[in-house]
Amino acid sequence: MSFAEIVTLEVYVFLGALAAIIGYRVLTGQINMNYLLYGTRKGGAKYFSPERIQLLLFTLGTAMFYLNDVMQHRTSGVLPDVSTETLALLGGSHAVYLSGKAYMMLLKKPGKGE
């Protein structure tokens, strides 16, 4: 077994162990997942955050497409480039999230029931 194969195996074992630890802690409640997709208004009230949903879905989608590219080019020994369009869309997605967060924190005044 070559040095490169040993390092590759170690990386896979490490990532698998990390995923198993995180999964275990999520399932046992040691990592709190309550209100993960909720934001907090200026007055302290919780609200369902569509900005967080779009950010989560776009980030996961981008990661899956990149992982697919990596798996298709794994024999070349180099990581594939991320296109400028993908980076711009990912940056735009984060800008939408941060804009919604800034709006809720700075401009929205707490009203009745909030």
PDB file of N, CA and C in Angstrom:
ATOM      1  N   MET A   1       0.856  -1.176   0.000  1.00  0.00           N
ATOM      2  CA  MET A   1       0.000   0.000   0.000  1.00  0.00           C
ATOM      3  C   MET A   1       0.904   1.242   0.000  1.00  0.00           C
ATOM      4  N   SER A   2       0.638   2.162  -0.914  1.00  0.00           N
ATOM      5  CA  SER A   2       1.477   3.353  -1.042  1.00  0.00           C
ATOM      6  C   SER A   2       1.115   4.394   0.020  1.00  0.00           C
ATOM      7  N   PHE A   3       1.993   5.366   0.162  1.00  0.00           N
ATOM      8  CA  PHE A   3       1.785   6.432   1.130  1.00  0.00           C
ATOM      9  C   PHE A   3       0.503   7.204   0.818  1.00  0.00           C
ATOM     10  N   ALA A   4       0.254   7.487  -0.457  1.00  0.00           N
ATOM     11  CA  ALA A   4      -0.941   8.229  -0.862  1.00  0.00           C
ATOM     12  C   ALA A   4      -2.219   7.459  -0.511  1.00  0.00           C
ATOM     13  N   GLU A   5      -2.190   6.145  -0.689  1.00  0.00           N
ATOM     14  CA  GLU A   5      -3.359   5.330  -0.348  1.00  0.00           C
ATOM     15  C   GLU A   5      -3.601   5.316   1.156  1.00  0.00           C
ATOM     16  N   ILE A   6      -2.530   5.292   1.944  1.00  0.00           N
ATOM     17  CA  ILE A   6      -2.664   5.315   3.405  1.00  0.00           C
ATOM     18  C   ILE A   6      -3.260   6.641   3.865  1.00  0.00           C
ATOM     19  N   VAL A   7      -2.765   7.739   3.302  1.00  0.00           N
ATOM     20  CA  VAL A   7      -3.294   9.064   3.659  1.00  0.00           C
ATOM     21  C   VAL A   7      -4.760   9.170   3.260  1.00  0.00           C
ATOM     22  N   THR A   8      -5.104   8.682   2.074  1.00  0.00           N
ATOM     23  CA  THR A   8      -6.496   8.710   1.624  1.00  0.00           C
ATOM     24  C   THR A   8      -7.381   7.907   2.565  1.00  0.00           C
ATOM     25  N   LEU A   9      -6.930   6.737   2.954  1.00  0.00           N
ATOM     26  CA  LEU A   9      -7.687   5.907   3.887  1.00  0.00           C
ATOM     27  C   LEU A   9      -7.861   6.614   5.226  1.00  0.00           C
ATOM     28  N   GLU A  10      -6.809   7.243   5.720  1.00  0.00           N
ATOM     29  CA  GLU A  10      -6.896   7.967   6.986  1.00  0.00           C
ATOM     30  C   GLU A  10      -7.896   9.116   6.906  1.00  0.00           C
ATOM     31  N   VAL A  11      -7.911   9.823   5.793  1.00  0.00           N
ATOM     32  CA  VAL A  11      -8.867  10.927   5.619  1.00  0.00           C
ATOM     33  C   VAL A  11     -10.291  10.387   5.640  1.00  0.00           C
ATOM     34  N   TYR A  12     -10.545   9.294   4.927  1.00  0.00           N
ATOM     35  CA  TYR A  12     -11.885   8.710   4.922  1.00  0.00           C
ATOM     36  C   TYR A  12     -12.296   8.224   6.315  1.00  0.00           C
ATOM     37  N   VAL A  13     -11.393   7.605   7.027  1.00  0.00           N
ATOM     38  CA  VAL A  13     -11.697   7.129   8.388  1.00  0.00           C
ATOM     39  C   VAL A  13     -11.997   8.318   9.296  1.00  0.00           C
ATOM     40  N   PHE A  14     -11.178   9.372   9.192  1.00  0.00           N
ATOM     41  CA  PHE A  14     -11.391  10.558  10.014  1.00  0.00           C
ATOM     42  C   PHE A  14     -12.747  11.194   9.723  1.00  0.00           C
ATOM     43  N   LEU A  15     -13.070  11.390   8.432  1.00  0.00           N
ATOM     44  CA  LEU A  15     -14.346  12.006   8.077  1.00  0.00           C
ATOM     45  C   LEU A  15     -15.529  11.127   8.484  1.00  0.00           C
ATOM     46  N   GLY A  16     -15.379   9.818   8.330  1.00  0.00           N
ATOM     47  CA  GLY A  16     -16.437   8.904   8.760  1.00  0.00           C
ATOM     48  C   GLY A  16     -16.650   8.953  10.269  1.00  0.00           C
ATOM     49  N   ALA A  17     -15.550   8.977  11.017  1.00  0.00           N
ATOM     50  CA  ALA A  17     -15.654   9.061  12.476  1.00  0.00           C
ATOM     51  C   ALA A  17     -16.269  10.388  12.900  1.00  0.00           C
ATOM     52  N   LEU A  18     -15.882  11.468  12.237  1.00  0.00           N
ATOM     53  CA  LEU A  18     -16.450  12.779  12.549  1.00  0.00           C
ATOM     54  C   LEU A  18     -17.952  12.802  12.274  1.00  0.00           C
ATOM     55  N   ALA A  19     -18.365  12.257  11.142  1.00  0.00           N
ATOM     56  CA  ALA A  19     -19.790  12.181  10.810  1.00  0.00           C
ATOM     57  C   ALA A  19     -20.541  11.320  11.832  1.00  0.00           C
ATOM     58  N   ALA A  20     -19.945  10.219  12.240  1.00  0.00           N
ATOM     59  CA  ALA A  20     -20.589   9.344  13.228  1.00  0.00           C
ATOM     60  C   ALA A  20     -20.742  10.048  14.578  1.00  0.00           C
ATOM     61  N   ILE A  21     -19.724  10.771  15.003  1.00  0.00           N
ATOM     62  CA  ILE A  21     -19.794  11.491  16.282  1.00  0.00           C
ATOM     63  C   ILE A  21     -20.873  12.568  16.236  1.00  0.00           C
ATOM     64  N   ILE A  22     -20.893  13.336  15.145  1.00  0.00           N
ATOM     65  CA  ILE A  22     -21.904  14.392  15.017  1.00  0.00           C
ATOM     66  C   ILE A  22     -23.298  13.782  14.964  1.00  0.00           C
ATOM     67  N   GLY A  23     -23.471  12.726  14.167  1.00  0.00           N
ATOM     68  CA  GLY A  23     -24.770  12.056  14.091  1.00  0.00           C
ATOM     69  C   GLY A  23     -25.224  11.522  15.443  1.00  0.00           C
ATOM     70  N   TYR A  24     -24.313  10.916  16.180  1.00  0.00           N
ATOM     71  CA  TYR A  24     -24.642  10.392  17.507  1.00  0.00           C
ATOM     72  C   TYR A  24     -25.078  11.510  18.450  1.00  0.00           C
ATOM     73  N   ARG A  25     -24.337  12.599  18.430  1.00  0.00           N
ATOM     74  CA  ARG A  25     -24.669  13.711  19.334  1.00  0.00           C
ATOM     75  C   ARG A  25     -25.976  14.392  18.953  1.00  0.00           C
ATOM     76  N   VAL A  26     -26.288  14.457  17.667  1.00  0.00           N
ATOM     77  CA  VAL A  26     -27.576  15.011  17.249  1.00  0.00           C
ATOM     78  C   VAL A  26     -28.702  14.100  17.731  1.00  0.00           C
ATOM     79  N   LEU A  27     -28.538  12.790  17.556  1.00  0.00           N
ATOM     80  CA  LEU A  27     -29.589  11.844  17.937  1.00  0.00           C
ATOM     81  C   LEU A  27     -29.788  11.764  19.452  1.00  0.00           C
ATOM     82  N   THR A  28     -28.734  11.953  20.223  1.00  0.00           N
ATOM     83  CA  THR A  28     -28.862  11.887  21.682  1.00  0.00           C
ATOM     84  C   THR A  28     -29.205  13.230  22.308  1.00  0.00           C
ATOM     85  N   GLY A  29     -29.267  14.296  21.490  1.00  0.00           N
ATOM     86  CA  GLY A  29     -29.643  15.606  22.010  1.00  0.00           C
ATOM     87  C   GLY A  29     -28.485  16.416  22.574  1.00  0.00           C
ATOM     88  N   GLN A  30     -27.271  15.928  22.440  1.00  0.00           N
ATOM     89  CA  GLN A  30     -26.124  16.691  22.927  1.00  0.00           C
ATOM     90  C   GLN A  30     -25.849  17.901  22.038  1.00  0.00           C
ATOM     91  N   ILE A  31     -26.252  17.846  20.770  1.00  0.00           N
ATOM     92  CA  ILE A  31     -26.217  19.002  19.883  1.00  0.00           C
ATOM     93  C   ILE A  31     -27.661  19.459  19.732  1.00  0.00           C
ATOM     94  N   ASN A  32     -27.941  20.662  20.178  1.00  0.00           N
ATOM     95  CA  ASN A  32     -29.299  21.192  20.191  1.00  0.00           C
ATOM     96  C   ASN A  32     -29.709  21.619  18.783  1.00  0.00           C
ATOM     97  N   MET A  33     -30.763  21.004  18.262  1.00  0.00           N
ATOM     98  CA  MET A  33     -31.266  21.339  16.933  1.00  0.00           C
ATOM     99  C   MET A  33     -32.575  22.133  17.006  1.00  0.00           C
ATOM    100  N   ASN A  34     -33.023  22.451  18.209  1.00  0.00           N
ATOM    101  CA  ASN A  34     -34.249  23.229  18.359  1.00  0.00           C
ATOM    102  C   ASN A  34     -34.058  24.626  17.783  1.00  0.00           C
ATOM    103  N   TYR A  35     -35.047  25.091  17.068  1.00  0.00           N
ATOM    104  CA  TYR A  35     -35.058  26.440  16.481  1.00  0.00           C
ATOM    105  C   TYR A  35     -33.894  26.677  15.525  1.00  0.00           C
ATOM    106  N   LEU A  36     -33.394  25.626  14.915  1.00  0.00           N
ATOM    107  CA  LEU A  36     -32.295  25.763  13.966  1.00  0.00           C
ATOM    108  C   LEU A  36     -32.701  26.616  12.765  1.00  0.00           C
ATOM    109  N   LEU A  37     -33.935  26.487  12.335  1.00  0.00           N
ATOM    110  CA  LEU A  37     -34.429  27.221  11.172  1.00  0.00           C
ATOM    111  C   LEU A  37     -35.262  28.440  11.570  1.00  0.00           C
ATOM    112  N   TYR A  38     -35.107  28.895  12.800  1.00  0.00           N
ATOM    113  CA  TYR A  38     -35.843  30.054  13.290  1.00  0.00           C
ATOM    114  C   TYR A  38     -34.865  31.187  13.574  1.00  0.00           C
ATOM    115  N   GLY A  39     -35.355  32.407  13.413  1.00  0.00           N
ATOM    116  CA  GLY A  39     -34.588  33.585  13.768  1.00  0.00           C
ATOM    117  C   GLY A  39     -35.209  34.217  14.999  1.00  0.00           C
ATOM    118  N   THR A  40     -34.553  35.238  15.505  1.00  0.00           N
ATOM    119  CA  THR A  40     -35.057  35.958  16.668  1.00  0.00           C
ATOM    120  C   THR A  40     -35.252  37.412  16.283  1.00  0.00           C
ATOM    121  N   ARG A  41     -36.449  37.910  16.521  1.00  0.00           N
ATOM    122  CA  ARG A  41     -36.714  39.316  16.241  1.00  0.00           C
ATOM    123  C   ARG A  41     -36.075  40.185  17.302  1.00  0.00           C
ATOM    124  N   LYS A  42     -36.060  41.485  17.029  1.00  0.00           N
ATOM    125  CA  LYS A  42     -35.439  42.432  17.948  1.00  0.00           C
ATOM    126  C   LYS A  42     -36.053  42.349  19.336  1.00  0.00           C
ATOM    127  N   GLY A  43     -37.347  42.082  19.411  1.00  0.00           N
ATOM    128  CA  GLY A  43     -38.025  41.976  20.697  1.00  0.00           C
ATOM    129  C   GLY A  43     -37.814  40.645  21.396  1.00  0.00           C
ATOM    130  N   GLY A  44     -37.145  39.689  20.736  1.00  0.00           N
ATOM    131  CA  GLY A  44     -36.870  38.394  21.345  1.00  0.00           C
ATOM    132  C   GLY A  44     -37.789  37.282  20.876  1.00  0.00           C
ATOM    133  N   ALA A  45     -38.812  37.599  20.060  1.00  0.00           N
ATOM    134  CA  ALA A  45     -39.748  36.588  19.580  1.00  0.00           C
ATOM    135  C   ALA A  45     -39.102  35.745  18.488  1.00  0.00           C
ATOM    136  N   LYS A  46     -39.410  34.461  18.466  1.00  0.00           N
ATOM    137  CA  LYS A  46     -38.894  33.547  17.445  1.00  0.00           C
ATOM    138  C   LYS A  46     -39.812  33.599  16.222  1.00  0.00           C
ATOM    139  N   TYR A  47     -39.237  33.449  15.031  1.00  0.00           N
ATOM    140  CA  TYR A  47     -40.014  33.394  13.801  1.00  0.00           C
ATOM    141  C   TYR A  47     -39.344  32.412  12.849  1.00  0.00           C
ATOM    142  N   PHE A  48     -40.163  31.762  12.008  1.00  0.00           N
ATOM    143  CA  PHE A  48     -39.628  30.847  11.003  1.00  0.00           C
ATOM    144  C   PHE A  48     -38.897  31.669   9.957  1.00  0.00           C
ATOM    145  N   SER A  49     -37.669  31.314   9.651  1.00  0.00           N
ATOM    146  CA  SER A  49     -36.808  32.130   8.801  1.00  0.00           C
ATOM    147  C   SER A  49     -36.642  31.530   7.408  1.00  0.00           C
ATOM    148  N   PRO A  50     -37.333  32.076   6.397  1.00  0.00           N
ATOM    149  CA  PRO A  50     -37.128  31.582   5.034  1.00  0.00           C
ATOM    150  C   PRO A  50     -35.709  31.847   4.535  1.00  0.00           C
ATOM    151  N   GLU A  51     -35.058  32.876   5.085  1.00  0.00           N
ATOM    152  CA  GLU A  51     -33.678  33.161   4.690  1.00  0.00           C
ATOM    153  C   GLU A  51     -32.761  32.009   5.069  1.00  0.00           C
ATOM    154  N   ARG A  52     -32.984  31.437   6.233  1.00  0.00           N
ATOM    155  CA  ARG A  52     -32.147  30.314   6.664  1.00  0.00           C
ATOM    156  C   ARG A  52     -32.388  29.079   5.803  1.00  0.00           C
ATOM    157  N   ILE A  53     -33.648  28.863   5.413  1.00  0.00           N
ATOM    158  CA  ILE A  53     -33.970  27.716   4.549  1.00  0.00           C
ATOM    159  C   ILE A  53     -33.247  27.848   3.215  1.00  0.00           C
ATOM    160  N   GLN A  54     -33.356  29.019   2.567  1.00  0.00           N
ATOM    161  CA  GLN A  54     -32.719  29.174   1.260  1.00  0.00           C
ATOM    162  C   GLN A  54     -31.207  29.088   1.381  1.00  0.00           C
ATOM    163  N   LEU A  55     -30.635  29.614   2.459  1.00  0.00           N
ATOM    164  CA  LEU A  55     -29.189  29.539   2.652  1.00  0.00           C
ATOM    165  C   LEU A  55     -28.752  28.091   2.852  1.00  0.00           C
ATOM    166  N   LEU A  56     -29.477  27.353   3.677  1.00  0.00           N
ATOM    167  CA  LEU A  56     -29.156  25.949   3.925  1.00  0.00           C
ATOM    168  C   LEU A  56     -29.255  25.127   2.647  1.00  0.00           C
ATOM    169  N   LEU A  57     -30.377  25.279   1.927  1.00  0.00           N
ATOM    170  CA  LEU A  57     -30.578  24.482   0.713  1.00  0.00           C
ATOM    171  C   LEU A  57     -29.552  24.816  -0.365  1.00  0.00           C
ATOM    172  N   PHE A  58     -29.271  26.095  -0.558  1.00  0.00           N
ATOM    173  CA  PHE A  58     -28.310  26.472  -1.589  1.00  0.00           C
ATOM    174  C   PHE A  58     -26.906  26.013  -1.218  1.00  0.00           C
ATOM    175  N   THR A  59     -26.534  26.159   0.038  1.00  0.00           N
ATOM    176  CA  THR A  59     -25.199  25.728   0.463  1.00  0.00           C
ATOM    177  C   THR A  59     -25.042  24.219   0.325  1.00  0.00           C
ATOM    178  N   LEU A  60     -26.053  23.461   0.763  1.00  0.00           N
ATOM    179  CA  LEU A  60     -25.986  22.006   0.625  1.00  0.00           C
ATOM    180  C   LEU A  60     -25.972  21.581  -0.841  1.00  0.00           C
ATOM    181  N   GLY A  61     -26.778  22.243  -1.669  1.00  0.00           N
ATOM    182  CA  GLY A  61     -26.802  21.932  -3.095  1.00  0.00           C
ATOM    183  C   GLY A  61     -25.459  22.189  -3.748  1.00  0.00           C
ATOM    184  N   THR A  62     -24.856  23.334  -3.434  1.00  0.00           N
ATOM    185  CA  THR A  62     -23.542  23.668  -3.983  1.00  0.00           C
ATOM    186  C   THR A  62     -22.493  22.657  -3.528  1.00  0.00           C
ATOM    187  N   ALA A  63     -22.551  22.281  -2.255  1.00  0.00           N
ATOM    188  CA  ALA A  63     -21.596  21.294  -1.729  1.00  0.00           C
ATOM    189  C   ALA A  63     -21.771  19.945  -2.426  1.00  0.00           C
ATOM    190  N   MET A  64     -23.000  19.543  -2.681  1.00  0.00           N
ATOM    191  CA  MET A  64     -23.236  18.260  -3.349  1.00  0.00           C
ATOM    192  C   MET A  64     -22.737  18.280  -4.797  1.00  0.00           C
ATOM    193  N   PHE A  65     -22.979  19.395  -5.508  1.00  0.00           N
ATOM    194  CA  PHE A  65     -22.469  19.490  -6.876  1.00  0.00           C
ATOM    195  C   PHE A  65     -20.943  19.459  -6.901  1.00  0.00           C
ATOM    196  N   TYR A  66     -20.317  20.143  -5.956  1.00  0.00           N
ATOM    197  CA  TYR A  66     -18.855  20.137  -5.911  1.00  0.00           C
ATOM    198  C   TYR A  66     -18.337  18.745  -5.559  1.00  0.00           C
ATOM    199  N   LEU A  67     -18.980  18.083  -4.604  1.00  0.00           N
ATOM    200  CA  LEU A  67     -18.575  16.724  -4.250  1.00  0.00           C
ATOM    201  C   LEU A  67     -18.714  15.796  -5.451  1.00  0.00           C
ATOM    202  N   ASN A  68     -19.756  15.984  -6.243  1.00  0.00           N
ATOM    203  CA  ASN A  68     -19.931  15.196  -7.463  1.00  0.00           C
ATOM    204  C   ASN A  68     -18.769  15.441  -8.432  1.00  0.00           C
ATOM    205  N   ASP A  69     -18.373  16.722  -8.595  1.00  0.00           N
ATOM    206  CA  ASP A  69     -17.224  17.031  -9.451  1.00  0.00           C
ATOM    207  C   ASP A  69     -15.951  16.382  -8.921  1.00  0.00           C
ATOM    208  N   VAL A  70     -15.769  16.427  -7.617  1.00  0.00           N
ATOM    209  CA  VAL A  70     -14.577  15.814  -7.013  1.00  0.00           C
ATOM    210  C   VAL A  70     -14.557  14.317  -7.296  1.00  0.00           C
ATOM    211  N   MET A  71     -15.691  13.665  -7.134  1.00  0.00           N
ATOM    212  CA  MET A  71     -15.751  12.220  -7.355  1.00  0.00           C
ATOM    213  C   MET A  71     -15.504  11.869  -8.830  1.00  0.00           C
ATOM    214  N   GLN A  72     -15.938  12.726  -9.752  1.00  0.00           N
ATOM    215  CA  GLN A  72     -15.719  12.458 -11.176  1.00  0.00           C
ATOM    216  C   GLN A  72     -14.262  12.672 -11.578  1.00  0.00           C
ATOM    217  N   HIS A  73     -13.548  13.546 -10.864  1.00  0.00           N
ATOM    218  CA  HIS A  73     -12.165  13.863 -11.213  1.00  0.00           C
ATOM    219  C   HIS A  73     -11.165  13.313 -10.189  1.00  0.00           C
ATOM    220  N   ARG A  74     -11.560  12.319  -9.423  1.00  0.00           N
ATOM    221  CA  ARG A  74     -10.685  11.843  -8.344  1.00  0.00           C
ATOM    222  C   ARG A  74      -9.420  11.176  -8.856  1.00  0.00           C
ATOM    223  N   THR A  75      -9.430  10.673 -10.074  1.00  0.00           N
ATOM    224  CA  THR A  75      -8.233  10.012 -10.584  1.00  0.00           C
ATOM    225  C   THR A  75      -7.176  11.002 -11.064  1.00  0.00           C
ATOM    226  N   SER A  76      -7.580  12.270 -11.277  1.00  0.00           N
ATOM    227  CA  SER A  76      -6.615  13.252 -11.784  1.00  0.00           C
ATOM    228  C   SER A  76      -5.672  13.749 -10.696  1.00  0.00           C
ATOM    229  N   GLY A  77      -6.066  13.628  -9.434  1.00  0.00           N
ATOM    230  CA  GLY A  77      -5.196  14.035  -8.342  1.00  0.00           C
ATOM    231  C   GLY A  77      -5.282  15.504  -7.975  1.00  0.00           C
ATOM    232  N   VAL A  78      -6.141  16.263  -8.642  1.00  0.00           N
ATOM    233  CA  VAL A  78      -6.320  17.679  -8.315  1.00  0.00           C
ATOM    234  C   VAL A  78      -7.798  17.962  -8.086  1.00  0.00           C
ATOM    235  N   LEU A  79      -8.060  18.962  -7.260  1.00  0.00           N
ATOM    236  CA  LEU A  79      -9.442  19.354  -7.016  1.00  0.00           C
ATOM    237  C   LEU A  79      -9.957  20.184  -8.182  1.00  0.00           C
ATOM    238  N   PRO A  80     -11.224  19.987  -8.575  1.00  0.00           N
ATOM    239  CA  PRO A  80     -11.769  20.794  -9.668  1.00  0.00           C
ATOM    240  C   PRO A  80     -11.978  22.244  -9.226  1.00  0.00           C
ATOM    241  N   ASP A  81     -11.937  23.150 -10.182  1.00  0.00           N
ATOM    242  CA  ASP A  81     -12.167  24.557  -9.892  1.00  0.00           C
ATOM    243  C   ASP A  81     -13.650  24.800  -9.616  1.00  0.00           C
ATOM    244  N   VAL A  82     -13.903  25.801  -8.792  1.00  0.00           N
ATOM    245  CA  VAL A  82     -15.272  26.254  -8.558  1.00  0.00           C
ATOM    246  C   VAL A  82     -15.507  27.414  -9.510  1.00  0.00           C
ATOM    247  N   SER A  83     -16.589  27.351 -10.277  1.00  0.00           N
ATOM    248  CA  SER A  83     -16.825  28.391 -11.275  1.00  0.00           C
ATOM    249  C   SER A  83     -17.142  29.727 -10.613  1.00  0.00           C
ATOM    250  N   THR A  84     -16.856  30.786 -11.334  1.00  0.00           N
ATOM    251  CA  THR A  84     -17.137  32.137 -10.855  1.00  0.00           C
ATOM    252  C   THR A  84     -18.636  32.325 -10.645  1.00  0.00           C
ATOM    253  N   GLU A  85     -19.441  31.733 -11.516  1.00  0.00           N
ATOM    254  CA  GLU A  85     -20.894  31.846 -11.392  1.00  0.00           C
ATOM    255  C   GLU A  85     -21.373  31.196 -10.095  1.00  0.00           C
ATOM    256  N   THR A  86     -20.814  30.033  -9.767  1.00  0.00           N
ATOM    257  CA  THR A  86     -21.198  29.354  -8.529  1.00  0.00           C
ATOM    258  C   THR A  86     -20.836  30.195  -7.317  1.00  0.00           C
ATOM    259  N   LEU A  87     -19.642  30.780  -7.319  1.00  0.00           N
ATOM    260  CA  LEU A  87     -19.238  31.631  -6.204  1.00  0.00           C
ATOM    261  C   LEU A  87     -20.122  32.864  -6.097  1.00  0.00           C
ATOM    262  N   ALA A  88     -20.498  33.436  -7.241  1.00  0.00           N
ATOM    263  CA  ALA A  88     -21.375  34.608  -7.224  1.00  0.00           C
ATOM    264  C   ALA A  88     -22.757  34.242  -6.681  1.00  0.00           C
ATOM    265  N   LEU A  89     -23.293  33.102  -7.101  1.00  0.00           N
ATOM    266  CA  LEU A  89     -24.603  32.671  -6.603  1.00  0.00           C
ATOM    267  C   LEU A  89     -24.556  32.344  -5.113  1.00  0.00           C
ATOM    268  N   LEU A  90     -23.482  31.705  -4.679  1.00  0.00           N
ATOM    269  CA  LEU A  90     -23.340  31.393  -3.258  1.00  0.00           C
ATOM    270  C   LEU A  90     -23.212  32.677  -2.440  1.00  0.00           C
ATOM    271  N   GLY A  91     -22.440  33.638  -2.948  1.00  0.00           N
ATOM    272  CA  GLY A  91     -22.330  34.934  -2.281  1.00  0.00           C
ATOM    273  C   GLY A  91     -23.661  35.659  -2.249  1.00  0.00           C
ATOM    274  N   GLY A  92     -24.426  35.584  -3.343  1.00  0.00           N
ATOM    275  CA  GLY A  92     -25.757  36.192  -3.373  1.00  0.00           C
ATOM    276  C   GLY A  92     -26.699  35.554  -2.380  1.00  0.00           C
ATOM    277  N   SER A  93     -26.618  34.246  -2.236  1.00  0.00           N
ATOM    278  CA  SER A  93     -27.442  33.536  -1.264  1.00  0.00           C
ATOM    279  C   SER A  93     -27.128  33.996   0.154  1.00  0.00           C
ATOM    280  N   HIS A  94     -25.852  34.137   0.446  1.00  0.00           N
ATOM    281  CA  HIS A  94     -25.462  34.625   1.763  1.00  0.00           C
ATOM    282  C   HIS A  94     -25.885  36.080   1.964  1.00  0.00           C
ATOM    283  N   ALA A  95     -25.834  36.873   0.885  1.00  0.00           N
ATOM    284  CA  ALA A  95     -26.278  38.271   0.982  1.00  0.00           C
ATOM    285  C   ALA A  95     -27.768  38.349   1.285  1.00  0.00           C
ATOM    286  N   VAL A  96     -28.573  37.459   0.688  1.00  0.00           N
ATOM    287  CA  VAL A  96     -30.007  37.432   0.984  1.00  0.00           C
ATOM    288  C   VAL A  96     -30.229  37.112   2.462  1.00  0.00           C
ATOM    289  N   TYR A  97     -29.512  36.123   2.967  1.00  0.00           N
ATOM    290  CA  TYR A  97     -29.639  35.758   4.375  1.00  0.00           C
ATOM    291  C   TYR A  97     -29.248  36.920   5.277  1.00  0.00           C
ATOM    292  N   LEU A  98     -28.096  37.522   4.998  1.00  0.00           N
ATOM    293  CA  LEU A  98     -27.623  38.617   5.849  1.00  0.00           C
ATOM    294  C   LEU A  98     -28.513  39.848   5.743  1.00  0.00           C
ATOM    295  N   SER A  99     -29.080  40.100   4.567  1.00  0.00           N
ATOM    296  CA  SER A  99     -30.005  41.222   4.408  1.00  0.00           C
ATOM    297  C   SER A  99     -31.261  41.014   5.244  1.00  0.00           C
ATOM    298  N   GLY A 100     -31.797  39.796   5.206  1.00  0.00           N
ATOM    299  CA  GLY A 100     -32.973  39.489   6.033  1.00  0.00           C
ATOM    300  C   GLY A 100     -32.662  39.634   7.510  1.00  0.00           C
ATOM    301  N   LYS A 101     -31.495  39.189   7.905  1.00  0.00           N
ATOM    302  CA  LYS A 101     -31.088  39.295   9.307  1.00  0.00           C
ATOM    303  C   LYS A 101     -30.920  40.765   9.710  1.00  0.00           C
ATOM    304  N   ALA A 102     -30.284  41.548   8.839  1.00  0.00           N
ATOM    305  CA  ALA A 102     -30.098  42.973   9.124  1.00  0.00           C
ATOM    306  C   ALA A 102     -31.438  43.688   9.193  1.00  0.00           C
ATOM    307  N   TYR A 103     -32.360  43.331   8.298  1.00  0.00           N
ATOM    308  CA  TYR A 103     -33.689  43.941   8.313  1.00  0.00           C
ATOM    309  C   TYR A 103     -34.387  43.666   9.636  1.00  0.00           C
ATOM    310  N   MET A 104     -34.338  42.421  10.074  1.00  0.00           N
ATOM    311  CA  MET A 104     -35.002  42.068  11.329  1.00  0.00           C
ATOM    312  C   MET A 104     -34.344  42.740  12.527  1.00  0.00           C
ATOM    313  N   MET A 105     -33.042  42.901  12.498  1.00  0.00           N
ATOM    314  CA  MET A 105     -32.335  43.467  13.645  1.00  0.00           C
ATOM    315  C   MET A 105     -32.414  44.995  13.674  1.00  0.00           C
ATOM    316  N   LEU A 106     -32.313  45.636  12.523  1.00  0.00           N
ATOM    317  CA  LEU A 106     -32.162  47.082  12.497  1.00  0.00           C
ATOM    318  C   LEU A 106     -33.443  47.848  12.195  1.00  0.00           C
ATOM    319  N   LEU A 107     -34.234  47.371  11.272  1.00  0.00           N
ATOM    320  CA  LEU A 107     -35.349  48.178  10.786  1.00  0.00           C
ATOM    321  C   LEU A 107     -36.693  47.790  11.373  1.00  0.00           C
ATOM    322  N   LYS A 108     -36.909  46.543  11.603  1.00  0.00           N
ATOM    323  CA  LYS A 108     -38.220  46.063  12.058  1.00  0.00           C
ATOM    324  C   LYS A 108     -38.393  46.396  13.535  1.00  0.00           C
ATOM    325  N   LYS A 109     -39.420  47.120  13.834  1.00  0.00           N
ATOM    326  CA  LYS A 109     -39.703  47.478  15.226  1.00  0.00           C
ATOM    327  C   LYS A 109     -40.648  46.431  15.805  1.00  0.00           C
ATOM    328  N   PRO A 110     -40.397  46.000  17.045  1.00  0.00           N
ATOM    329  CA  PRO A 110     -41.315  45.019  17.639  1.00  0.00           C
ATOM    330  C   PRO A 110     -42.679  45.637  17.847  1.00  0.00           C
ATOM    331  N   GLY A 111     -43.679  44.928  17.389  1.00  0.00           N
ATOM    332  CA  GLY A 111     -45.056  45.417  17.532  1.00  0.00           C
ATOM    333  C   GLY A 111     -45.841  44.516  18.469  1.00  0.00           C
ATOM    334  N   LYS A 112     -47.150  44.629  18.354  1.00  0.00           N
ATOM    335  CA  LYS A 112     -48.008  43.777  19.176  1.00  0.00           C
ATOM    336  C   LYS A 112     -47.829  42.321  18.794  1.00  0.00           C
ATOM    337  N   GLY A 113     -47.733  41.476  19.796  1.00  0.00           N
ATOM    338  CA  GLY A 113     -47.614  40.038  19.571  1.00  0.00           C
ATOM    339  C   GLY A 113     -46.224  39.600  19.162  1.00  0.00           C
ATOM    340  N   GLU A 114     -45.270  40.475  19.119  1.00  0.00           N
ATOM    341  CA  GLU A 114     -43.919  40.085  18.752  1.00  0.00           C
ATOM    342  C   GLU A 114     -43.029  40.106  19.967  1.00  0.00           C
TER     343      GLU A 114
END
